[in-house]
């Protein structure tokens, strides 16, 4: 569906020439270049947040990576808590109390084992699902590691942002 009519050739050419026109003053030219780059970055970031493939970094492109992202983002992972818990453990380990030291050691052990177990199970799940879905080994290369690293990141800091909620339902974009 078109929202507006196709522009006349002379109007399209004039718009292109206007976009390419650079000011004679070097300071103004630098400002114009920075402004154009800022607009392009903003457009790319917004497109990436919507999940558009062309705006993704190379490591995130392709149907296999999208499948792995959706698989990882569709449920909660213990690895998401790894960084916040590591920070708490670090702060608590500075307190010179033997009881707190034991609690910190136990918390660190639980955190490491929980993360390790969750990552191993997730790795098997990713491998099983992408092997069943995609036949080309070149497409699948690195997908398990990609999913495991994504599962270790805080959900709010993941790039590209998740497009599915926990439970697998797609998010609505505004």
C-alpha atoms as a PDB file:
ATOM      1  CA  UNK A   1       0.000   0.000   0.000  1.00  0.00           C
ATOM      2  CA  UNK A   2       1.409   3.359  -1.037  1.00  0.00           C
ATOM      3  CA  UNK A   3       0.828   6.300   1.246  1.00  0.00           C
ATOM      4  CA  UNK A   4       1.743   8.944  -1.321  1.00  0.00           C
ATOM      5  CA  UNK A   5       2.186   9.185  -5.090  1.00  0.00           C
ATOM      6  CA  UNK A   6       5.560   8.572  -6.711  1.00  0.00           C
ATOM      7  CA  UNK A   7       7.423  11.890  -7.025  1.00  0.00           C
ATOM      8  CA  UNK A   8       8.159  13.374 -10.452  1.00  0.00           C
ATOM      9  CA  UNK A   9      11.651  12.690 -11.750  1.00  0.00           C
ATOM     10  CA  UNK A  10      12.757  16.337 -11.458  1.00  0.00           C
ATOM     11  CA  UNK A  11      11.504  16.491  -7.841  1.00  0.00           C
ATOM     12  CA  UNK A  12      13.327  13.273  -6.914  1.00  0.00           C
ATOM     13  CA  UNK A  13      16.553  14.503  -8.549  1.00  0.00           C
ATOM     14  CA  UNK A  14      16.276  17.872  -6.806  1.00  0.00           C
ATOM     15  CA  UNK A  15      15.781  16.138  -3.432  1.00  0.00           C
ATOM     16  CA  UNK A  16      18.846  13.941  -4.049  1.00  0.00           C
ATOM     17  CA  UNK A  17      20.973  16.936  -5.022  1.00  0.00           C
ATOM     18  CA  UNK A  18      19.785  18.853  -1.973  1.00  0.00           C
ATOM     19  CA  UNK A  19      20.744  15.915   0.273  1.00  0.00           C
ATOM     20  CA  UNK A  20      24.230  15.824  -1.286  1.00  0.00           C
ATOM     21  CA  UNK A  21      24.736  19.582  -1.100  1.00  0.00           C
ATOM     22  CA  UNK A  22      27.528  20.383   1.347  1.00  0.00           C
ATOM     23  CA  UNK A  23      28.078  23.872   2.785  1.00  0.00           C
ATOM     24  CA  UNK A  24      31.180  25.757   1.589  1.00  0.00           C
ATOM     25  CA  UNK A  25      32.266  26.519   5.163  1.00  0.00           C
ATOM     26  CA  UNK A  26      34.247  23.590   6.616  1.00  0.00           C
ATOM     27  CA  UNK A  27      32.739  24.016  10.096  1.00  0.00           C
ATOM     28  CA  UNK A  28      29.216  23.903   8.708  1.00  0.00           C
ATOM     29  CA  UNK A  29      30.164  20.903   6.569  1.00  0.00           C
ATOM     30  CA  UNK A  30      31.438  19.007   9.632  1.00  0.00           C
ATOM     31  CA  UNK A  31      28.269  19.863  11.558  1.00  0.00           C
ATOM     32  CA  UNK A  32      26.150  18.664   8.614  1.00  0.00           C
ATOM     33  CA  UNK A  33      28.101  15.394   8.369  1.00  0.00           C
ATOM     34  CA  UNK A  34      27.759  14.758  12.118  1.00  0.00           C
ATOM     35  CA  UNK A  35      24.041  15.537  11.994  1.00  0.00           C
ATOM     36  CA  UNK A  36      23.511  13.175   9.033  1.00  0.00           C
ATOM     37  CA  UNK A  37      25.484  10.402  10.790  1.00  0.00           C
ATOM     38  CA  UNK A  38      23.475  10.927  14.000  1.00  0.00           C
ATOM     39  CA  UNK A  39      20.208  10.627  12.053  1.00  0.00           C
ATOM     40  CA  UNK A  40      21.395   7.445  10.333  1.00  0.00           C
ATOM     41  CA  UNK A  41      22.459   5.885  13.671  1.00  0.00           C
ATOM     42  CA  UNK A  42      19.092   6.765  15.203  1.00  0.00           C
ATOM     43  CA  UNK A  43      17.221   5.249  12.250  1.00  0.00           C
ATOM     44  CA  UNK A  44      19.355   2.095  12.411  1.00  0.00           C
ATOM     45  CA  UNK A  45      18.900   1.732  16.185  1.00  0.00           C
ATOM     46  CA  UNK A  46      15.120   2.148  15.930  1.00  0.00           C
ATOM     47  CA  UNK A  47      14.988  -0.418  13.119  1.00  0.00           C
ATOM     48  CA  UNK A  48      17.106  -2.844  15.170  1.00  0.00           C
ATOM     49  CA  UNK A  49      14.771  -2.384  18.153  1.00  0.00           C
ATOM     50  CA  UNK A  50      11.867  -3.325  15.885  1.00  0.00           C
ATOM     51  CA  UNK A  51      13.762  -6.463  14.833  1.00  0.00           C
ATOM     52  CA  UNK A  52      14.459  -5.506  11.226  1.00  0.00           C
ATOM     53  CA  UNK A  53      17.168  -7.711   9.756  1.00  0.00           C
ATOM     54  CA  UNK A  54      19.012  -5.047   7.714  1.00  0.00           C
ATOM     55  CA  UNK A  55      19.776  -3.015  10.839  1.00  0.00           C
ATOM     56  CA  UNK A  56      21.290  -5.878  12.841  1.00  0.00           C
ATOM     57  CA  UNK A  57      25.021  -6.240  13.395  1.00  0.00           C
ATOM     58  CA  UNK A  58      26.579  -9.074  11.360  1.00  0.00           C
ATOM     59  CA  UNK A  59      26.754 -11.437  14.368  1.00  0.00           C
ATOM     60  CA  UNK A  60      22.958 -11.186  14.853  1.00  0.00           C
ATOM     61  CA  UNK A  61      21.808 -11.630  11.260  1.00  0.00           C
ATOM     62  CA  UNK A  62      20.080 -14.653   9.828  1.00  0.00           C
ATOM     63  CA  UNK A  63      17.177 -16.965  10.585  1.00  0.00           C
ATOM     64  CA  UNK A  64      19.235 -19.251  12.856  1.00  0.00           C
ATOM     65  CA  UNK A  65      20.332 -16.373  15.089  1.00  0.00           C
ATOM     66  CA  UNK A  66      16.770 -15.016  15.208  1.00  0.00           C
ATOM     67  CA  UNK A  67      15.523 -18.469  16.199  1.00  0.00           C
ATOM     68  CA  UNK A  68      18.178 -18.756  18.927  1.00  0.00           C
ATOM     69  CA  UNK A  69      17.405 -15.227  20.209  1.00  0.00           C
ATOM     70  CA  UNK A  70      13.701 -16.022  20.443  1.00  0.00           C
ATOM     71  CA  UNK A  71      14.444 -19.352  22.121  1.00  0.00           C
ATOM     72  CA  UNK A  72      16.697 -17.721  24.734  1.00  0.00           C
ATOM     73  CA  UNK A  73      14.390 -14.749  25.305  1.00  0.00           C
ATOM     74  CA  UNK A  74      11.267 -16.903  25.691  1.00  0.00           C
ATOM     75  CA  UNK A  75      12.188 -17.998  29.217  1.00  0.00           C
ATOM     76  CA  UNK A  76      14.016 -16.785  32.293  1.00  0.00           C
ATOM     77  CA  UNK A  77      17.624 -17.969  32.779  1.00  0.00           C
ATOM     78  CA  UNK A  78      19.711 -18.212  35.922  1.00  0.00           C
ATOM     79  CA  UNK A  79      22.608 -16.578  34.085  1.00  0.00           C
ATOM     80  CA  UNK A  80      20.684 -13.299  33.982  1.00  0.00           C
ATOM     81  CA  UNK A  81      21.278 -12.995  37.719  1.00  0.00           C
ATOM     82  CA  UNK A  82      24.989 -13.816  37.486  1.00  0.00           C
ATOM     83  CA  UNK A  83      26.306 -10.241  37.232  1.00  0.00           C
ATOM     84  CA  UNK A  84      24.073  -8.721  39.952  1.00  0.00           C
ATOM     85  CA  UNK A  85      24.791 -11.633  42.305  1.00  0.00           C
ATOM     86  CA  UNK A  86      28.521 -11.435  41.563  1.00  0.00           C
ATOM     87  CA  UNK A  87      28.448  -7.764  42.546  1.00  0.00           C
ATOM     88  CA  UNK A  88      26.627  -8.585  45.809  1.00  0.00           C
ATOM     89  CA  UNK A  89      29.098 -11.400  46.548  1.00  0.00           C
ATOM     90  CA  UNK A  90      32.004  -9.037  45.884  1.00  0.00           C
ATOM     91  CA  UNK A  91      30.647  -6.393  48.267  1.00  0.00           C
ATOM     92  CA  UNK A  92      29.806  -8.946  50.977  1.00  0.00           C
ATOM     93  CA  UNK A  93      33.243 -10.542  50.703  1.00  0.00           C
ATOM     94  CA  UNK A  94      34.783  -7.268  51.879  1.00  0.00           C
ATOM     95  CA  UNK A  95      33.130  -7.643  55.317  1.00  0.00           C
ATOM     96  CA  UNK A  96      35.601  -9.317  57.724  1.00  0.00           C
ATOM     97  CA  UNK A  97      33.094 -11.582  59.477  1.00  0.00           C
ATOM     98  CA  UNK A  98      33.529 -15.411  59.363  1.00  0.00           C
ATOM     99  CA  UNK A  99      29.774 -16.061  59.304  1.00  0.00           C
ATOM    100  CA  UNK A 100      29.267 -13.684  56.380  1.00  0.00           C
ATOM    101  CA  UNK A 101      32.297 -15.237  54.657  1.00  0.00           C
ATOM    102  CA  UNK A 102      30.631 -18.676  54.832  1.00  0.00           C
ATOM    103  CA  UNK A 103      27.358 -17.287  53.504  1.00  0.00           C
ATOM    104  CA  UNK A 104      29.231 -15.544  50.678  1.00  0.00           C
ATOM    105  CA  UNK A 105      31.083 -18.750  49.808  1.00  0.00           C
ATOM    106  CA  UNK A 106      27.825 -20.731  49.769  1.00  0.00           C
ATOM    107  CA  UNK A 107      26.095 -18.029  47.693  1.00  0.00           C
ATOM    108  CA  UNK A 108      29.001 -18.011  45.225  1.00  0.00           C
ATOM    109  CA  UNK A 109      28.867 -21.803  44.933  1.00  0.00           C
ATOM    110  CA  UNK A 110      25.081 -21.852  44.384  1.00  0.00           C
ATOM    111  CA  UNK A 111      25.389 -19.060  41.830  1.00  0.00           C
ATOM    112  CA  UNK A 112      28.133 -20.836  39.873  1.00  0.00           C
ATOM    113  CA  UNK A 113      26.419 -24.240  39.924  1.00  0.00           C
ATOM    114  CA  UNK A 114      23.026 -22.768  39.009  1.00  0.00           C
ATOM    115  CA  UNK A 115      24.478 -20.822  36.105  1.00  0.00           C
ATOM    116  CA  UNK A 116      26.530 -23.772  34.881  1.00  0.00           C
ATOM    117  CA  UNK A 117      23.582 -26.178  35.033  1.00  0.00           C
ATOM    118  CA  UNK A 118      21.255 -23.729  33.311  1.00  0.00           C
ATOM    119  CA  UNK A 119      23.809 -23.009  30.557  1.00  0.00           C
ATOM    120  CA  UNK A 120      24.465 -26.714  29.895  1.00  0.00           C
ATOM    121  CA  UNK A 121      20.751 -27.498  29.647  1.00  0.00           C
ATOM    122  CA  UNK A 122      20.170 -24.460  27.427  1.00  0.00           C
ATOM    123  CA  UNK A 123      23.088 -25.484  25.183  1.00  0.00           C
ATOM    124  CA  UNK A 124      21.604 -28.936  24.643  1.00  0.00           C
ATOM    125  CA  UNK A 125      18.170 -27.430  23.952  1.00  0.00           C
ATOM    126  CA  UNK A 126      19.540 -24.940  21.408  1.00  0.00           C
ATOM    127  CA  UNK A 127      21.640 -27.589  19.672  1.00  0.00           C
ATOM    128  CA  UNK A 128      18.722 -30.028  19.467  1.00  0.00           C
ATOM    129  CA  UNK A 129      16.330 -27.435  18.118  1.00  0.00           C
ATOM    130  CA  UNK A 130      18.590 -25.887  15.490  1.00  0.00           C
ATOM    131  CA  UNK A 131      19.800 -29.301  14.304  1.00  0.00           C
ATOM    132  CA  UNK A 132      16.170 -30.335  13.820  1.00  0.00           C
ATOM    133  CA  UNK A 133      15.199 -27.080  12.098  1.00  0.00           C
ATOM    134  CA  UNK A 134      18.233 -26.083   9.984  1.00  0.00           C
ATOM    135  CA  UNK A 135      20.197 -28.516   7.840  1.00  0.00           C
ATOM    136  CA  UNK A 136      23.148 -26.368   6.695  1.00  0.00           C
ATOM    137  CA  UNK A 137      26.109 -26.672   9.108  1.00  0.00           C
ATOM    138  CA  UNK A 138      27.423 -23.250   8.003  1.00  0.00           C
ATOM    139  CA  UNK A 139      24.200 -21.596   9.192  1.00  0.00           C
ATOM    140  CA  UNK A 140      24.359 -23.361  12.564  1.00  0.00           C
ATOM    141  CA  UNK A 141      28.013 -22.541  13.254  1.00  0.00           C
ATOM    142  CA  UNK A 142      28.399 -20.593  16.517  1.00  0.00           C
ATOM    143  CA  UNK A 143      24.673 -20.529  17.274  1.00  0.00           C
ATOM    144  CA  UNK A 144      24.957 -22.418  20.583  1.00  0.00           C
ATOM    145  CA  UNK A 145      27.688 -20.114  21.881  1.00  0.00           C
ATOM    146  CA  UNK A 146      25.665 -17.103  20.682  1.00  0.00           C
ATOM    147  CA  UNK A 147      22.635 -18.293  22.660  1.00  0.00           C
ATOM    148  CA  UNK A 148      24.644 -19.048  25.786  1.00  0.00           C
ATOM    149  CA  UNK A 149      26.266 -15.612  25.783  1.00  0.00           C
ATOM    150  CA  UNK A 150      22.871 -13.981  25.272  1.00  0.00           C
ATOM    151  CA  UNK A 151      21.442 -15.916  28.223  1.00  0.00           C
ATOM    152  CA  UNK A 152      24.197 -14.515  30.486  1.00  0.00           C
ATOM    153  CA  UNK A 153      23.257 -10.900  29.702  1.00  0.00           C
ATOM    154  CA  UNK A 154      20.717  -8.918  31.676  1.00  0.00           C
ATOM    155  CA  UNK A 155      17.470  -8.936  29.696  1.00  0.00           C
ATOM    156  CA  UNK A 156      17.259  -5.129  29.592  1.00  0.00           C
ATOM    157  CA  UNK A 157      20.805  -4.826  28.171  1.00  0.00           C
ATOM    158  CA  UNK A 158      20.524  -7.365  25.358  1.00  0.00           C
ATOM    159  CA  UNK A 159      21.292  -6.109  21.879  1.00  0.00           C
ATOM    160  CA  UNK A 160      19.270  -6.542  19.757  1.00  0.00           C
ATOM    161  CA  UNK A 161      16.445  -6.246  22.295  1.00  0.00           C
ATOM    162  CA  UNK A 162      14.204  -9.243  22.787  1.00  0.00           C
ATOM    163  CA  UNK A 163      11.083  -9.353  20.656  1.00  0.00           C
ATOM    164  CA  UNK A 164       9.413 -12.124  22.670  1.00  0.00           C
ATOM    165  CA  UNK A 165       8.260 -12.004  26.261  1.00  0.00           C
ATOM    166  CA  UNK A 166       8.997 -14.681  28.817  1.00  0.00           C
ATOM    167  CA  UNK A 167       6.577 -17.442  27.870  1.00  0.00           C
ATOM    168  CA  UNK A 168       7.108 -16.979  24.128  1.00  0.00           C
ATOM    169  CA  UNK A 169       4.449 -14.369  23.354  1.00  0.00           C
ATOM    170  CA  UNK A 170       5.654 -11.665  20.951  1.00  0.00           C
ATOM    171  CA  UNK A 171       5.965  -8.114  22.310  1.00  0.00           C
ATOM    172  CA  UNK A 172       3.852  -5.319  20.881  1.00  0.00           C
ATOM    173  CA  UNK A 173       5.814  -2.331  19.594  1.00  0.00           C
ATOM    174  CA  UNK A 174       4.519   1.188  19.990  1.00  0.00           C
END
